[in-house]
Amino acid sequence: YWIDFFFSTRNVAISTDLGSDAAMNLSSALGSVPAEVEQACSTIHTQQQEGGDKGTSSSIEELLSTEQLSNLPDEILDIDLDYARKSLQTYREAILQQRKARLQCLQLLLQSRCSFGSLDAARAFGCDDGSDEGMNIILEQLKKVKEKLIDAMALEGLDVEEDDADEKKMKEEEEQLKPLSWFPGQM
């Protein structure tokens, strides 16, 4: 169920990104509309909403000068309103799907109780019996190999000396990384 969730989330994220680009481009174009043009359009819209009769509503030529109309940027004049509306609707749907996917993710996390099986896989990979002792043996072997590598590097003349403070810090970090007693599967 996790794989299906990740694929659907990826698809939603892609469509959200594409919709975001379209919305930002539209917002940028509409942001360049002069205030007097915006006011004139708002006036015409209000008149159409209130009266509904086209004979009583003002035309754009009555509210704006020819110079103002001719100075409108091409990006405003080239906006396909139907396409822009559909793009924004698609973007809205993608955002709603993304919210739904986030809720589904939280539900899956709660159902799994944050136990993803990684510890079981590590035990199975690390030792035949799957016990913590086997994992500790492998950890000790890795530490010995690390010590051998440090010794070999020192013989080659590479500076690998660790001072006491670094060694103490590493041991403290190692203590902090021990399995948590409250985490599922650690008892």
N, C-alpha and C. Protein backbone atom coordinates (compact mmCIF):
# COMPACT_ATOMS: atom_id res chain seq x y z
N TYR A 1 0.81 -1.20 0.00
CA TYR A 1 0.00 0.00 0.00
C TYR A 1 0.85 1.25 0.00
N TRP A 2 2.07 1.16 0.51
CA TRP A 2 2.93 2.34 0.54
C TRP A 2 3.36 2.73 -0.88
N ILE A 3 3.66 1.72 -1.70
CA ILE A 3 4.14 2.01 -3.06
C ILE A 3 3.06 2.72 -3.85
N ASP A 4 1.82 2.23 -3.77
CA ASP A 4 0.72 2.90 -4.45
C ASP A 4 0.57 4.34 -3.97
N PHE A 5 0.72 4.51 -2.67
CA PHE A 5 0.61 5.84 -2.10
C PHE A 5 1.69 6.77 -2.66
N PHE A 6 2.93 6.28 -2.75
CA PHE A 6 4.02 7.11 -3.24
C PHE A 6 3.83 7.48 -4.71
N PHE A 7 3.35 6.53 -5.53
CA PHE A 7 3.11 6.83 -6.93
C PHE A 7 2.02 7.88 -7.09
N SER A 8 0.94 7.74 -6.35
CA SER A 8 -0.14 8.72 -6.46
C SER A 8 0.32 10.08 -5.95
N THR A 9 1.11 10.10 -4.89
CA THR A 9 1.62 11.36 -4.35
C THR A 9 2.55 12.03 -5.35
N ARG A 10 3.38 11.24 -6.02
CA ARG A 10 4.29 11.80 -7.02
C ARG A 10 3.51 12.45 -8.15
N ASN A 11 2.47 11.76 -8.64
CA ASN A 11 1.67 12.30 -9.73
C ASN A 11 0.97 13.59 -9.31
N VAL A 12 0.46 13.63 -8.10
CA VAL A 12 -0.19 14.84 -7.60
C VAL A 12 0.82 15.97 -7.48
N ALA A 13 2.03 15.66 -7.02
CA ALA A 13 3.06 16.69 -6.86
C ALA A 13 3.44 17.28 -8.21
N ILE A 14 3.53 16.43 -9.24
CA ILE A 14 3.87 16.92 -10.58
C ILE A 14 2.78 17.85 -11.09
N SER A 15 1.51 17.43 -10.97
CA SER A 15 0.43 18.29 -11.47
C SER A 15 0.32 19.57 -10.64
N THR A 16 0.62 19.51 -9.36
CA THR A 16 0.61 20.71 -8.53
C THR A 16 1.69 21.68 -8.98
N ASP A 17 2.88 21.16 -9.27
CA ASP A 17 3.96 22.03 -9.74
C ASP A 17 3.61 22.70 -11.07
N LEU A 18 3.03 21.91 -11.99
CA LEU A 18 2.64 22.49 -13.28
C LEU A 18 1.55 23.54 -13.10
N GLY A 19 0.58 23.24 -12.25
CA GLY A 19 -0.49 24.20 -11.99
C GLY A 19 0.02 25.45 -11.31
N SER A 20 1.01 25.29 -10.46
CA SER A 20 1.60 26.42 -9.78
C SER A 20 2.27 27.36 -10.78
N ASP A 21 2.95 26.80 -11.76
CA ASP A 21 3.59 27.63 -12.78
C ASP A 21 2.55 28.43 -13.56
N ALA A 22 1.46 27.77 -13.96
CA ALA A 22 0.41 28.46 -14.71
C ALA A 22 -0.23 29.55 -13.86
N ALA A 23 -0.48 29.24 -12.59
CA ALA A 23 -1.09 30.23 -11.70
C ALA A 23 -0.16 31.43 -11.49
N MET A 24 1.12 31.17 -11.34
CA MET A 24 2.07 32.27 -11.14
C MET A 24 2.17 33.14 -12.39
N ASN A 25 2.17 32.51 -13.58
CA ASN A 25 2.22 33.28 -14.82
C ASN A 25 0.97 34.15 -14.96
N LEU A 26 -0.19 33.59 -14.66
CA LEU A 26 -1.43 34.35 -14.73
C LEU A 26 -1.43 35.49 -13.71
N SER A 27 -0.96 35.19 -12.51
CA SER A 27 -0.89 36.22 -11.47
C SER A 27 0.05 37.35 -11.88
N SER A 28 1.16 36.98 -12.48
CA SER A 28 2.12 38.00 -12.94
C SER A 28 1.50 38.87 -14.02
N ALA A 29 0.79 38.22 -14.95
CA ALA A 29 0.16 38.98 -16.03
C ALA A 29 -0.91 39.91 -15.48
N LEU A 30 -1.74 39.40 -14.58
CA LEU A 30 -2.81 40.23 -14.02
C LEU A 30 -2.25 41.31 -13.09
N GLY A 31 -1.09 41.07 -12.53
CA GLY A 31 -0.46 42.07 -11.67
C GLY A 31 0.03 43.28 -12.44
N SER A 32 0.19 43.13 -13.75
CA SER A 32 0.67 44.26 -14.55
C SER A 32 -0.48 45.11 -15.11
N VAL A 33 -1.71 44.78 -14.74
CA VAL A 33 -2.86 45.58 -15.18
C VAL A 33 -2.84 46.91 -14.43
N PRO A 34 -2.89 48.02 -15.15
CA PRO A 34 -2.92 49.33 -14.48
C PRO A 34 -4.16 49.47 -13.61
N ALA A 35 -4.04 50.24 -12.54
CA ALA A 35 -5.12 50.40 -11.58
C ALA A 35 -6.38 51.00 -12.22
N GLU A 36 -6.21 51.97 -13.14
CA GLU A 36 -7.39 52.58 -13.77
C GLU A 36 -8.14 51.59 -14.66
N VAL A 37 -7.41 50.68 -15.30
CA VAL A 37 -8.06 49.64 -16.12
C VAL A 37 -8.80 48.67 -15.22
N GLU A 38 -8.18 48.30 -14.13
CA GLU A 38 -8.83 47.40 -13.17
C GLU A 38 -10.10 48.04 -12.60
N GLN A 39 -10.04 49.32 -12.28
CA GLN A 39 -11.21 50.03 -11.76
C GLN A 39 -12.32 50.08 -12.80
N ALA A 40 -11.98 50.34 -14.05
CA ALA A 40 -12.98 50.41 -15.12
C ALA A 40 -13.64 49.05 -15.32
N CYS A 41 -12.86 48.00 -15.32
CA CYS A 41 -13.42 46.65 -15.46
C CYS A 41 -14.32 46.30 -14.29
N SER A 42 -13.92 46.71 -13.11
CA SER A 42 -14.73 46.46 -11.92
C SER A 42 -16.06 47.21 -12.01
N THR A 43 -16.01 48.44 -12.50
CA THR A 43 -17.23 49.24 -12.65
C THR A 43 -18.18 48.58 -13.64
N ILE A 44 -17.67 48.14 -14.77
CA ILE A 44 -18.50 47.48 -15.78
C ILE A 44 -19.08 46.19 -15.23
N HIS A 45 -18.30 45.44 -14.53
CA HIS A 45 -18.78 44.17 -13.94
C HIS A 45 -19.89 44.44 -12.93
N THR A 46 -19.72 45.44 -12.08
CA THR A 46 -20.73 45.78 -11.08
C THR A 46 -22.02 46.22 -11.77
N GLN A 47 -21.89 47.03 -12.81
CA GLN A 47 -23.08 47.48 -13.54
C GLN A 47 -23.81 46.30 -14.18
N GLN A 48 -23.07 45.35 -14.73
CA GLN A 48 -23.69 44.19 -15.37
C GLN A 48 -24.36 43.30 -14.33
N GLN A 49 -23.77 43.19 -13.15
CA GLN A 49 -24.35 42.37 -12.10
C GLN A 49 -25.64 42.99 -11.57
N GLU A 50 -25.64 44.30 -11.42
CA GLU A 50 -26.79 44.99 -10.85
C GLU A 50 -27.92 45.16 -11.87
N GLY A 51 -27.57 45.66 -13.05
CA GLY A 51 -28.61 45.97 -14.03
C GLY A 51 -28.92 44.82 -14.96
N GLY A 52 -27.91 44.17 -15.42
CA GLY A 52 -28.10 43.09 -16.35
C GLY A 52 -28.46 43.58 -17.75
N ASP A 53 -28.85 44.82 -17.90
CA ASP A 53 -29.21 45.36 -19.20
C ASP A 53 -27.97 46.01 -19.81
N LYS A 54 -27.63 45.58 -21.00
CA LYS A 54 -26.40 46.09 -21.60
C LYS A 54 -26.55 47.55 -22.05
N GLY A 55 -27.77 48.02 -22.18
CA GLY A 55 -27.98 49.40 -22.62
C GLY A 55 -27.60 50.40 -21.56
N THR A 56 -27.70 50.05 -20.30
CA THR A 56 -27.40 51.00 -19.22
C THR A 56 -25.96 50.90 -18.73
N SER A 57 -25.26 49.84 -19.06
CA SER A 57 -23.89 49.70 -18.56
C SER A 57 -22.92 50.46 -19.46
N SER A 58 -21.88 50.96 -18.86
CA SER A 58 -20.86 51.72 -19.58
C SER A 58 -20.00 50.78 -20.39
N SER A 59 -19.43 51.31 -21.46
CA SER A 59 -18.47 50.52 -22.23
C SER A 59 -17.07 50.88 -21.77
N ILE A 60 -16.12 50.04 -22.11
CA ILE A 60 -14.74 50.26 -21.68
C ILE A 60 -14.19 51.54 -22.32
N GLU A 61 -14.67 51.87 -23.54
CA GLU A 61 -14.20 53.08 -24.22
C GLU A 61 -14.67 54.36 -23.50
N GLU A 62 -15.81 54.28 -22.84
CA GLU A 62 -16.32 55.44 -22.12
C GLU A 62 -15.54 55.70 -20.83
N LEU A 63 -15.02 54.62 -20.23
CA LEU A 63 -14.33 54.75 -18.95
C LEU A 63 -12.83 54.99 -19.08
N LEU A 64 -12.26 54.57 -20.20
CA LEU A 64 -10.82 54.72 -20.39
C LEU A 64 -10.52 55.45 -21.70
N SER A 65 -9.41 56.14 -21.71
CA SER A 65 -9.00 56.83 -22.93
C SER A 65 -8.39 55.84 -23.91
N THR A 66 -8.34 56.23 -25.15
CA THR A 66 -7.75 55.38 -26.19
C THR A 66 -6.29 55.11 -25.89
N GLU A 67 -5.63 56.10 -25.34
CA GLU A 67 -4.21 55.94 -25.00
C GLU A 67 -4.01 54.87 -23.92
N GLN A 68 -4.88 54.89 -22.91
CA GLN A 68 -4.78 53.88 -21.85
C GLN A 68 -5.03 52.48 -22.40
N LEU A 69 -5.99 52.36 -23.30
CA LEU A 69 -6.29 51.06 -23.89
C LEU A 69 -5.16 50.57 -24.80
N SER A 70 -4.53 51.48 -25.52
CA SER A 70 -3.46 51.08 -26.44
C SER A 70 -2.16 50.74 -25.70
N ASN A 71 -2.04 51.20 -24.46
CA ASN A 71 -0.83 50.92 -23.68
C ASN A 71 -0.92 49.64 -22.85
N LEU A 72 -2.02 48.89 -23.01
CA LEU A 72 -2.14 47.62 -22.26
C LEU A 72 -1.08 46.64 -22.76
N PRO A 73 -0.40 45.94 -21.85
CA PRO A 73 0.62 44.98 -22.26
C PRO A 73 0.01 43.82 -23.07
N ASP A 74 0.79 43.29 -23.99
CA ASP A 74 0.34 42.18 -24.84
C ASP A 74 -0.01 40.94 -24.02
N GLU A 75 0.72 40.71 -22.93
CA GLU A 75 0.45 39.50 -22.14
C GLU A 75 -0.95 39.53 -21.52
N ILE A 76 -1.50 40.72 -21.28
CA ILE A 76 -2.87 40.84 -20.77
C ILE A 76 -3.87 40.59 -21.90
N LEU A 77 -3.59 41.17 -23.05
CA LEU A 77 -4.50 41.03 -24.18
C LEU A 77 -4.52 39.60 -24.73
N ASP A 78 -3.43 38.87 -24.54
CA ASP A 78 -3.33 37.50 -25.07
C ASP A 78 -3.86 36.42 -24.13
N ILE A 79 -4.35 36.80 -22.97
CA ILE A 79 -4.85 35.81 -22.01
C ILE A 79 -6.10 35.14 -22.56
N ASP A 80 -6.06 33.82 -22.63
CA ASP A 80 -7.23 33.03 -23.00
C ASP A 80 -7.98 32.75 -21.70
N LEU A 81 -9.09 33.44 -21.49
CA LEU A 81 -9.79 33.36 -20.21
C LEU A 81 -10.31 31.96 -19.91
N ASP A 82 -10.83 31.27 -20.93
CA ASP A 82 -11.32 29.90 -20.69
C ASP A 82 -10.18 28.98 -20.26
N TYR A 83 -9.06 29.09 -20.96
CA TYR A 83 -7.91 28.25 -20.61
C TYR A 83 -7.38 28.60 -19.21
N ALA A 84 -7.32 29.89 -18.91
CA ALA A 84 -6.83 30.32 -17.59
C ALA A 84 -7.74 29.81 -16.49
N ARG A 85 -9.06 29.89 -16.72
CA ARG A 85 -10.02 29.40 -15.73
C ARG A 85 -9.87 27.89 -15.53
N LYS A 86 -9.72 27.15 -16.62
CA LYS A 86 -9.54 25.69 -16.52
C LYS A 86 -8.23 25.34 -15.83
N SER A 87 -7.19 26.10 -16.11
CA SER A 87 -5.88 25.85 -15.47
C SER A 87 -5.97 26.07 -13.97
N LEU A 88 -6.64 27.13 -13.57
CA LEU A 88 -6.79 27.41 -12.15
C LEU A 88 -7.66 26.36 -11.47
N GLN A 89 -8.69 25.88 -12.16
CA GLN A 89 -9.54 24.82 -11.61
C GLN A 89 -8.74 23.53 -11.45
N THR A 90 -7.91 23.20 -12.43
CA THR A 90 -7.06 22.01 -12.34
C THR A 90 -6.07 22.14 -11.19
N TYR A 91 -5.51 23.33 -11.03
CA TYR A 91 -4.57 23.59 -9.94
C TYR A 91 -5.27 23.43 -8.59
N ARG A 92 -6.48 23.94 -8.49
CA ARG A 92 -7.26 23.80 -7.26
C ARG A 92 -7.52 22.33 -6.94
N GLU A 93 -7.89 21.56 -7.95
CA GLU A 93 -8.13 20.13 -7.75
C GLU A 93 -6.85 19.40 -7.32
N ALA A 94 -5.72 19.79 -7.91
CA ALA A 94 -4.45 19.17 -7.53
C ALA A 94 -4.10 19.47 -6.08
N ILE A 95 -4.37 20.70 -5.64
CA ILE A 95 -4.10 21.06 -4.25
C ILE A 95 -5.00 20.25 -3.32
N LEU A 96 -6.28 20.09 -3.69
CA LEU A 96 -7.18 19.28 -2.87
C LEU A 96 -6.73 17.82 -2.81
N GLN A 97 -6.25 17.30 -3.94
CA GLN A 97 -5.72 15.93 -3.95
C GLN A 97 -4.47 15.82 -3.08
N GLN A 98 -3.65 16.86 -3.09
CA GLN A 98 -2.44 16.86 -2.27
C GLN A 98 -2.81 16.86 -0.79
N ARG A 99 -3.82 17.62 -0.41
CA ARG A 99 -4.27 17.61 0.98
C ARG A 99 -4.79 16.22 1.36
N LYS A 100 -5.54 15.61 0.46
CA LYS A 100 -6.08 14.27 0.71
C LYS A 100 -4.93 13.27 0.85
N ALA A 101 -3.90 13.40 0.01
CA ALA A 101 -2.74 12.51 0.08
C ALA A 101 -1.99 12.68 1.39
N ARG A 102 -1.89 13.91 1.88
CA ARG A 102 -1.22 14.15 3.16
C ARG A 102 -1.98 13.48 4.31
N LEU A 103 -3.31 13.60 4.27
CA LEU A 103 -4.12 12.93 5.29
C LEU A 103 -3.96 11.42 5.21
N GLN A 104 -3.91 10.90 3.99
CA GLN A 104 -3.72 9.46 3.81
C GLN A 104 -2.35 9.03 4.35
N CYS A 105 -1.33 9.86 4.12
CA CYS A 105 0.00 9.56 4.64
C CYS A 105 -0.02 9.49 6.16
N LEU A 106 -0.68 10.47 6.78
CA LEU A 106 -0.77 10.46 8.24
C LEU A 106 -1.51 9.23 8.74
N GLN A 107 -2.57 8.84 8.03
CA GLN A 107 -3.32 7.65 8.43
C GLN A 107 -2.45 6.40 8.29
N LEU A 108 -1.68 6.31 7.22
CA LEU A 108 -0.79 5.15 7.04
C LEU A 108 0.28 5.10 8.12
N LEU A 109 0.81 6.27 8.47
CA LEU A 109 1.81 6.32 9.54
C LEU A 109 1.23 5.86 10.87
N LEU A 110 0.00 6.32 11.15
CA LEU A 110 -0.63 5.91 12.40
C LEU A 110 -0.95 4.42 12.40
N GLN A 111 -1.37 3.89 11.26
CA GLN A 111 -1.68 2.47 11.17
C GLN A 111 -0.43 1.62 11.36
N SER A 112 0.69 2.09 10.83
CA SER A 112 1.93 1.31 10.93
C SER A 112 2.59 1.49 12.29
N ARG A 113 2.09 2.45 13.07
CA ARG A 113 2.67 2.78 14.37
C ARG A 113 4.16 3.10 14.26
N CYS A 114 4.51 3.71 13.14
CA CYS A 114 5.88 4.13 12.85
C CYS A 114 6.86 2.97 12.88
N SER A 115 6.39 1.79 12.62
CA SER A 115 7.27 0.62 12.54
C SER A 115 7.26 0.15 11.10
N PHE A 116 8.35 0.41 10.41
CA PHE A 116 8.41 0.15 8.98
C PHE A 116 9.13 -1.16 8.66
N GLY A 117 9.54 -1.90 9.66
CA GLY A 117 10.19 -3.18 9.42
C GLY A 117 11.67 -3.08 9.14
N SER A 118 12.26 -1.91 9.27
CA SER A 118 13.69 -1.76 8.97
C SER A 118 14.55 -2.52 9.98
N LEU A 119 14.12 -2.53 11.23
CA LEU A 119 14.90 -3.27 12.24
C LEU A 119 14.85 -4.76 11.96
N ASP A 120 13.69 -5.27 11.58
CA ASP A 120 13.59 -6.69 11.25
C ASP A 120 14.46 -7.03 10.05
N ALA A 121 14.46 -6.15 9.06
CA ALA A 121 15.28 -6.38 7.88
C ALA A 121 16.76 -6.34 8.24
N ALA A 122 17.16 -5.41 9.10
CA ALA A 122 18.56 -5.33 9.51
C ALA A 122 18.98 -6.57 10.28
N ARG A 123 18.10 -7.05 11.14
CA ARG A 123 18.42 -8.27 11.89
C ARG A 123 18.52 -9.47 10.96
N ALA A 124 17.60 -9.57 10.03
CA ALA A 124 17.61 -10.70 9.10
C ALA A 124 18.85 -10.66 8.22
N PHE A 125 19.26 -9.46 7.82
CA PHE A 125 20.43 -9.33 6.97
C PHE A 125 21.72 -9.54 7.76
N GLY A 126 21.71 -9.04 8.99
CA GLY A 126 22.93 -9.04 9.78
C GLY A 126 23.30 -10.39 10.39
N CYS A 127 22.35 -11.19 10.74
CA CYS A 127 22.67 -12.45 11.37
C CYS A 127 21.56 -13.47 11.12
N ASP A 128 21.91 -14.71 11.23
CA ASP A 128 20.96 -15.77 10.90
C ASP A 128 19.83 -15.88 11.89
N ASP A 129 20.12 -15.70 13.15
CA ASP A 129 19.07 -15.89 14.16
C ASP A 129 18.24 -14.63 14.39
N GLY A 130 18.65 -13.49 13.83
CA GLY A 130 17.87 -12.26 13.96
C GLY A 130 17.94 -11.62 15.33
N SER A 131 18.89 -11.95 16.13
CA SER A 131 18.96 -11.41 17.49
C SER A 131 19.78 -10.12 17.52
N ASP A 132 19.57 -9.36 18.60
CA ASP A 132 20.35 -8.13 18.79
C ASP A 132 21.82 -8.44 19.03
N GLU A 133 22.09 -9.59 19.62
CA GLU A 133 23.49 -9.96 19.88
C GLU A 133 24.25 -10.10 18.57
N GLY A 134 23.60 -10.66 17.54
CA GLY A 134 24.24 -10.80 16.23
C GLY A 134 24.56 -9.44 15.63
N MET A 135 23.64 -8.49 15.80
CA MET A 135 23.89 -7.15 15.29
C MET A 135 25.05 -6.50 16.03
N ASN A 136 25.14 -6.74 17.34
CA ASN A 136 26.24 -6.17 18.12
C ASN A 136 27.58 -6.77 17.70
N ILE A 137 27.58 -8.05 17.35
CA ILE A 137 28.82 -8.70 16.88
C ILE A 137 29.28 -8.04 15.59
N ILE A 138 28.35 -7.82 14.68
CA ILE A 138 28.70 -7.18 13.41
C ILE A 138 29.20 -5.76 13.65
N LEU A 139 28.58 -5.05 14.57
CA LEU A 139 29.02 -3.71 14.90
C LEU A 139 30.45 -3.72 15.44
N GLU A 140 30.76 -4.66 16.30
CA GLU A 140 32.12 -4.79 16.83
C GLU A 140 33.11 -5.11 15.72
N GLN A 141 32.72 -5.98 14.79
CA GLN A 141 33.60 -6.31 13.66
C GLN A 141 33.88 -5.07 12.82
N LEU A 142 32.86 -4.26 12.61
CA LEU A 142 33.04 -3.03 11.84
C LEU A 142 33.98 -2.06 12.55
N LYS A 143 33.88 -1.99 13.87
CA LYS A 143 34.79 -1.12 14.63
C LYS A 143 36.23 -1.58 14.48
N LYS A 144 36.44 -2.91 14.51
CA LYS A 144 37.80 -3.45 14.36
C LYS A 144 38.35 -3.15 12.98
N VAL A 145 37.51 -3.28 11.96
CA VAL A 145 37.95 -2.96 10.60
C VAL A 145 38.30 -1.49 10.50
N LYS A 146 37.51 -0.64 11.15
CA LYS A 146 37.79 0.80 11.14
C LYS A 146 39.15 1.07 11.79
N GLU A 147 39.42 0.41 12.91
CA GLU A 147 40.70 0.60 13.58
C GLU A 147 41.85 0.16 12.68
N LYS A 148 41.67 -0.95 11.96
CA LYS A 148 42.72 -1.43 11.04
C LYS A 148 42.95 -0.42 9.92
N LEU A 149 41.87 0.15 9.41
CA LEU A 149 42.02 1.15 8.34
C LEU A 149 42.74 2.40 8.84
N ILE A 150 42.41 2.81 10.04
CA ILE A 150 43.09 3.99 10.62
C ILE A 150 44.57 3.69 10.81
N ASP A 151 44.89 2.50 11.29
CA ASP A 151 46.29 2.12 11.45
C ASP A 151 47.01 2.10 10.11
N ALA A 152 46.37 1.52 9.08
CA ALA A 152 47.00 1.46 7.75
C ALA A 152 47.22 2.85 7.18
N MET A 153 46.25 3.73 7.39
CA MET A 153 46.40 5.11 6.90
C MET A 153 47.51 5.83 7.64
N ALA A 154 47.66 5.56 8.92
CA ALA A 154 48.73 6.18 9.70
C ALA A 154 50.09 5.69 9.21
N LEU A 155 50.18 4.40 8.86
CA LEU A 155 51.44 3.87 8.33
C LEU A 155 51.80 4.50 7.00
N GLU A 156 50.81 4.87 6.22
CA GLU A 156 51.06 5.49 4.93
C GLU A 156 51.38 6.98 5.06
N GLY A 157 51.29 7.51 6.27
CA GLY A 157 51.63 8.90 6.49
C GLY A 157 50.46 9.85 6.44
N LEU A 158 49.27 9.33 6.35
CA LEU A 158 48.09 10.19 6.35
C LEU A 158 47.77 10.58 7.78
N ASP A 159 47.35 11.80 7.95
CA ASP A 159 47.03 12.30 9.28
C ASP A 159 45.65 11.82 9.69
N VAL A 160 45.62 10.84 10.58
CA VAL A 160 44.35 10.28 11.04
C VAL A 160 44.26 10.32 12.55
N GLU A 161 45.14 11.07 13.17
CA GLU A 161 45.12 11.10 14.63
C GLU A 161 43.85 11.78 15.12
N GLU A 162 43.26 11.15 16.09
CA GLU A 162 42.08 11.72 16.71
C GLU A 162 42.47 12.09 18.13
N ASP A 163 42.15 13.29 18.49
CA ASP A 163 42.48 13.69 19.84
C ASP A 163 41.42 13.15 20.81
N ASP A 164 41.70 13.27 22.06
CA ASP A 164 40.81 12.72 23.09
C ASP A 164 39.41 13.33 23.02
N ALA A 165 39.34 14.61 22.70
CA ALA A 165 38.04 15.28 22.65
C ALA A 165 37.17 14.68 21.54
N ASP A 166 37.79 14.42 20.36
CA ASP A 166 37.03 13.82 19.26
C ASP A 166 36.58 12.41 19.61
N GLU A 167 37.49 11.66 20.25
CA GLU A 167 37.14 10.29 20.63
C GLU A 167 36.00 10.28 21.65
N LYS A 168 36.07 11.21 22.60
CA LYS A 168 35.02 11.30 23.62
C LYS A 168 33.69 11.69 22.97
N LYS A 169 33.76 12.63 22.03
CA LYS A 169 32.56 13.08 21.34
C LYS A 169 31.94 11.94 20.54
N MET A 170 32.77 11.14 19.88
CA MET A 170 32.26 10.01 19.10
C MET A 170 31.60 8.98 20.00
N LYS A 171 32.18 8.73 21.18
CA LYS A 171 31.59 7.77 22.11
C LYS A 171 30.25 8.27 22.63
N GLU A 172 30.18 9.59 22.91
CA GLU A 172 28.91 10.16 23.37
C GLU A 172 27.84 10.04 22.28
N GLU A 173 28.21 10.33 21.05
CA GLU A 173 27.26 10.20 19.94
C GLU A 173 26.83 8.75 19.78
N GLU A 174 27.76 7.83 19.95
CA GLU A 174 27.45 6.41 19.83
C GLU A 174 26.47 5.98 20.92
N GLU A 175 26.63 6.53 22.12
CA GLU A 175 25.71 6.23 23.22
C GLU A 175 24.30 6.73 22.88
N GLN A 176 24.24 7.91 22.25
CA GLN A 176 22.95 8.47 21.90
C GLN A 176 22.27 7.68 20.80
N LEU A 177 23.03 6.97 19.99
CA LEU A 177 22.48 6.22 18.87
C LEU A 177 22.05 4.81 19.23
N LYS A 178 22.18 4.44 20.48
CA LYS A 178 21.73 3.11 20.87
C LYS A 178 20.24 3.02 20.68
N PRO A 179 19.72 1.82 20.42
CA PRO A 179 18.28 1.68 20.18
C PRO A 179 17.45 2.25 21.32
N LEU A 180 16.38 2.90 20.95
CA LEU A 180 15.50 3.54 21.92
C LEU A 180 14.59 2.50 22.55
N SER A 181 14.46 2.55 23.85
CA SER A 181 13.65 1.55 24.55
C SER A 181 12.17 1.71 24.25
N TRP A 182 11.71 2.92 23.94
CA TRP A 182 10.29 3.15 23.70
C TRP A 182 9.87 2.84 22.28
N PHE A 183 10.85 2.67 21.37
CA PHE A 183 10.54 2.41 19.96
C PHE A 183 10.09 0.97 19.77
N PRO A 184 9.04 0.74 18.98
CA PRO A 184 8.52 -0.63 18.81
C PRO A 184 9.61 -1.59 18.34
N GLY A 185 9.64 -2.77 18.92
CA GLY A 185 10.60 -3.80 18.54
C GLY A 185 11.93 -3.69 19.27
N GLN A 186 12.07 -2.82 20.24
CA GLN A 186 13.34 -2.61 20.93
C GLN A 186 13.37 -3.27 22.30
N MET A 187 12.30 -3.84 22.73
CA MET A 187 12.27 -4.46 24.06
C MET A 187 12.67 -5.90 23.98
